[in-house]
Amino acid sequence: MLLKDQICTLRPVSQDDIARSLIWRNDPLIKKDLQTYRLPITKPMEDDWIEKAMNGDQDRVVFAIDENSSHQHVGFIELNSIDYFNRSGQFAIVIGDVSAQGKGIGMSATRQLLDYGFNQLNLNKVYLQVAEYNRTALGLYEKMGFITEGTIRSQYFKDGAYFDMIAMGLLASEFTA
């Protein structure tokens, strides 16, 4: 399945994405804002992640993000922890190609995935957590209509200090494509 607009295309993850993904997930500049596994990622670990993303876990959808103008793979976007009974899912995105950041790709990809989540998966709510210092991500989420639902105090440890995580959510009734 492809999701596409003027700026970017969301496509299924493939084995061809492993090399770039491995570089991004080990890049300190990219990794600093990810709330994922923070130790070095090995090739077998990345192979396993890609394999699971390709095979489509029942509670997760993952897309590779390709920039339309360059036809380059620039990141990943996903809904995980999908709960079909309660109709909710957790949002995550990474634009790993630094040269693609600040071009509106994150907003375009987010809009497409939210539209897919609300209108194809029939979710009622998409939620996320973001570190308080990640102003770029906070700005994106606010522009997309996410509402701050709370603060999880001293949840994230980085560079010798604890940071709050901001919990945000967006309801289907609040989403405008």
Protein backbone atom coordinates (compact mmCIF):
# COMPACT_ATOMS: atom_id res chain seq x y z
CA MET A 1 0.00 0.00 0.00
CA LEU A 2 1.21 3.49 -0.89
CA LEU A 3 0.08 6.76 0.65
CA LYS A 4 1.17 9.79 -1.34
CA ASP A 5 0.80 13.54 -1.50
CA GLN A 6 2.79 16.34 -3.16
CA ILE A 7 5.71 16.15 -0.70
CA CYS A 8 6.27 12.54 0.28
CA THR A 9 5.22 8.95 -0.20
CA LEU A 10 4.61 6.45 2.59
CA ARG A 11 5.43 2.95 1.36
CA PRO A 12 5.90 -0.48 2.89
CA VAL A 13 9.25 -1.06 4.58
CA SER A 14 11.68 -3.25 2.61
CA GLN A 15 15.01 -5.01 3.06
CA ASP A 16 16.56 -2.17 1.04
CA ASP A 17 15.87 0.16 3.99
CA ILE A 18 18.16 -1.68 6.42
CA ALA A 19 21.46 0.05 5.63
CA ARG A 20 20.09 3.58 6.00
CA SER A 21 18.02 2.69 9.04
CA LEU A 22 21.03 1.18 10.79
CA ILE A 23 23.03 4.37 10.19
CA TRP A 24 20.20 6.61 11.45
CA ARG A 25 19.47 4.57 14.56
CA ASN A 26 23.14 4.74 15.55
CA ASP A 27 23.62 8.44 14.69
CA PRO A 28 23.91 10.42 17.95
CA LEU A 29 22.22 13.48 16.37
CA ILE A 30 19.17 11.41 15.42
CA LYS A 31 19.19 9.10 18.43
CA LYS A 32 19.14 11.97 20.95
CA ASP A 33 15.44 12.58 20.33
CA LEU A 34 14.29 8.97 20.06
CA GLN A 35 12.76 7.31 23.07
CA THR A 36 13.86 3.89 21.91
CA TYR A 37 16.71 1.52 22.55
CA ARG A 38 19.68 3.81 23.23
CA LEU A 39 22.54 1.32 23.09
CA PRO A 40 24.21 0.63 19.73
CA ILE A 41 21.96 -1.14 17.24
CA THR A 42 23.57 -4.12 15.50
CA LYS A 43 22.83 -5.40 12.00
CA PRO A 44 21.01 -8.52 13.32
CA MET A 45 18.87 -6.27 15.57
CA GLU A 46 17.99 -4.05 12.62
CA ASP A 47 17.28 -7.08 10.40
CA ASP A 48 14.83 -8.28 13.05
CA TRP A 49 13.15 -4.84 13.33
CA ILE A 50 12.75 -4.57 9.54
CA GLU A 51 11.45 -8.15 9.30
CA LYS A 52 8.79 -7.45 11.93
CA ALA A 53 7.87 -4.16 10.23
CA MET A 54 7.56 -5.91 6.86
CA ASN A 55 5.44 -8.76 8.19
CA GLY A 56 3.02 -6.36 9.80
CA ASP A 57 2.39 -7.20 13.41
CA GLN A 58 -1.33 -7.12 14.15
CA ASP A 59 -0.89 -4.15 16.49
CA ARG A 60 1.48 -2.09 14.34
CA VAL A 61 1.76 -0.45 10.92
CA VAL A 62 5.11 0.91 9.75
CA PHE A 63 5.85 2.89 6.61
CA ALA A 64 9.09 4.10 5.05
CA ILE A 65 8.99 7.80 4.11
CA ASP A 66 10.31 8.72 0.65
CA GLU A 67 10.80 12.33 -0.38
CA ASN A 68 9.07 12.79 -3.74
CA SER A 69 11.45 15.38 -5.20
CA SER A 70 14.59 13.26 -4.66
CA HIS A 71 12.96 9.80 -4.55
CA GLN A 72 15.12 9.15 -1.47
CA HIS A 73 14.16 7.19 1.62
CA VAL A 74 14.33 9.76 4.44
CA GLY A 75 12.64 8.18 7.47
CA PHE A 76 10.01 5.98 9.07
CA ILE A 77 6.57 6.58 10.51
CA GLU A 78 4.34 4.22 12.44
CA LEU A 79 1.32 3.54 14.55
CA ASN A 80 2.11 0.96 17.21
CA SER A 81 0.36 -0.51 20.23
CA ILE A 82 -2.83 -0.42 18.15
CA ASP A 83 -5.79 -1.41 20.28
CA TYR A 84 -8.66 -2.23 17.91
CA PHE A 85 -11.12 -2.70 20.79
CA ASN A 86 -10.51 0.80 22.19
CA ARG A 87 -9.66 2.15 18.71
CA SER A 88 -6.37 3.82 19.64
CA GLY A 89 -2.74 3.71 18.57
CA GLN A 90 0.58 5.28 19.49
CA PHE A 91 2.34 7.51 16.94
CA ALA A 92 6.08 7.61 16.17
CA ILE A 93 8.14 9.26 13.43
CA VAL A 94 11.80 9.76 12.59
CA ILE A 95 13.24 11.77 9.72
CA GLY A 96 16.67 10.17 9.78
CA ASP A 97 18.10 11.95 6.75
CA VAL A 98 19.18 15.27 8.27
CA SER A 99 19.14 16.97 4.84
CA ALA A 100 15.41 16.20 4.61
CA GLN A 101 14.55 17.84 7.94
CA GLY A 102 12.81 21.22 7.92
CA LYS A 103 11.22 20.68 4.49
CA GLY A 104 7.70 19.85 5.65
CA ILE A 105 8.17 16.12 5.12
CA GLY A 106 7.38 15.32 8.75
CA MET A 107 4.13 17.28 8.59
CA SER A 108 3.15 15.71 5.28
CA ALA A 109 3.91 12.18 6.47
CA THR A 110 2.14 12.77 9.78
CA ARG A 111 -0.99 14.09 8.04
CA GLN A 112 -1.06 11.05 5.73
CA LEU A 113 -0.59 8.54 8.55
CA LEU A 114 -3.23 10.20 10.73
CA ASP A 115 -5.67 10.15 7.82
CA TYR A 116 -4.91 6.45 7.34
CA GLY A 117 -5.27 5.73 11.05
CA PHE A 118 -8.57 7.55 11.45
CA ASN A 119 -10.19 6.76 8.10
CA GLN A 120 -8.82 3.32 7.19
CA LEU A 121 -8.06 1.72 10.56
CA ASN A 122 -11.08 3.44 12.14
CA LEU A 123 -9.10 4.64 15.15
CA ASN A 124 -10.72 7.13 17.49
CA LYS A 125 -7.49 8.34 19.09
CA VAL A 126 -3.81 8.61 18.23
CA TYR A 127 -1.48 9.42 21.11
CA LEU A 128 2.22 9.98 21.68
CA GLN A 129 4.86 11.01 24.18
CA VAL A 130 7.55 13.55 23.39
CA ALA A 131 10.45 14.87 25.46
CA GLU A 132 9.85 18.37 26.80
CA TYR A 133 13.00 19.70 25.13
CA ASN A 134 12.06 18.51 21.62
CA ARG A 135 10.53 21.80 20.51
CA THR A 136 10.52 20.88 16.81
CA ALA A 137 8.40 17.78 17.43
CA LEU A 138 6.12 19.62 19.88
CA GLY A 139 5.51 22.31 17.26
CA LEU A 140 4.67 19.72 14.61
CA TYR A 141 2.26 17.87 16.86
CA GLU A 142 0.52 21.07 17.94
CA LYS A 143 0.13 22.15 14.29
CA MET A 144 -1.42 18.77 13.53
CA GLY A 145 -3.96 19.33 16.31
CA PHE A 146 -2.57 17.14 19.09
CA ILE A 147 -3.64 18.32 22.55
CA THR A 148 -1.40 18.10 25.61
CA GLU A 149 -3.04 15.61 27.97
CA GLY A 150 -0.46 15.62 30.72
CA THR A 151 3.13 15.59 31.85
CA ILE A 152 4.99 12.48 32.90
CA ARG A 153 7.56 13.87 35.29
CA SER A 154 11.26 12.94 35.14
CA GLN A 155 10.49 10.06 32.78
CA TYR A 156 13.43 10.33 30.38
CA PHE A 157 17.10 10.28 31.40
CA LYS A 158 19.57 11.90 29.01
CA ASP A 159 23.03 13.37 29.41
CA GLY A 160 22.95 13.08 33.19
CA ALA A 161 19.57 14.75 33.68
CA TYR A 162 15.93 13.74 33.88
CA PHE A 163 13.37 15.26 31.54
CA ASP A 164 9.60 15.30 31.53
CA MET A 165 7.67 13.61 28.77
CA ILE A 166 4.65 15.41 27.36
CA ALA A 167 1.68 13.12 26.68
CA MET A 168 -0.40 14.28 23.70
CA GLY A 169 -3.46 12.93 21.94
CA LEU A 170 -5.60 13.61 18.92
CA LEU A 171 -9.17 12.37 18.45
CA ALA A 172 -10.69 11.48 15.10
CA SER A 173 -13.31 14.20 15.62
CA GLU A 174 -10.51 16.79 16.00
CA PHE A 175 -8.51 15.73 12.94
CA THR A 176 -8.70 17.77 9.76
CA ALA A 177 -6.81 16.40 6.75
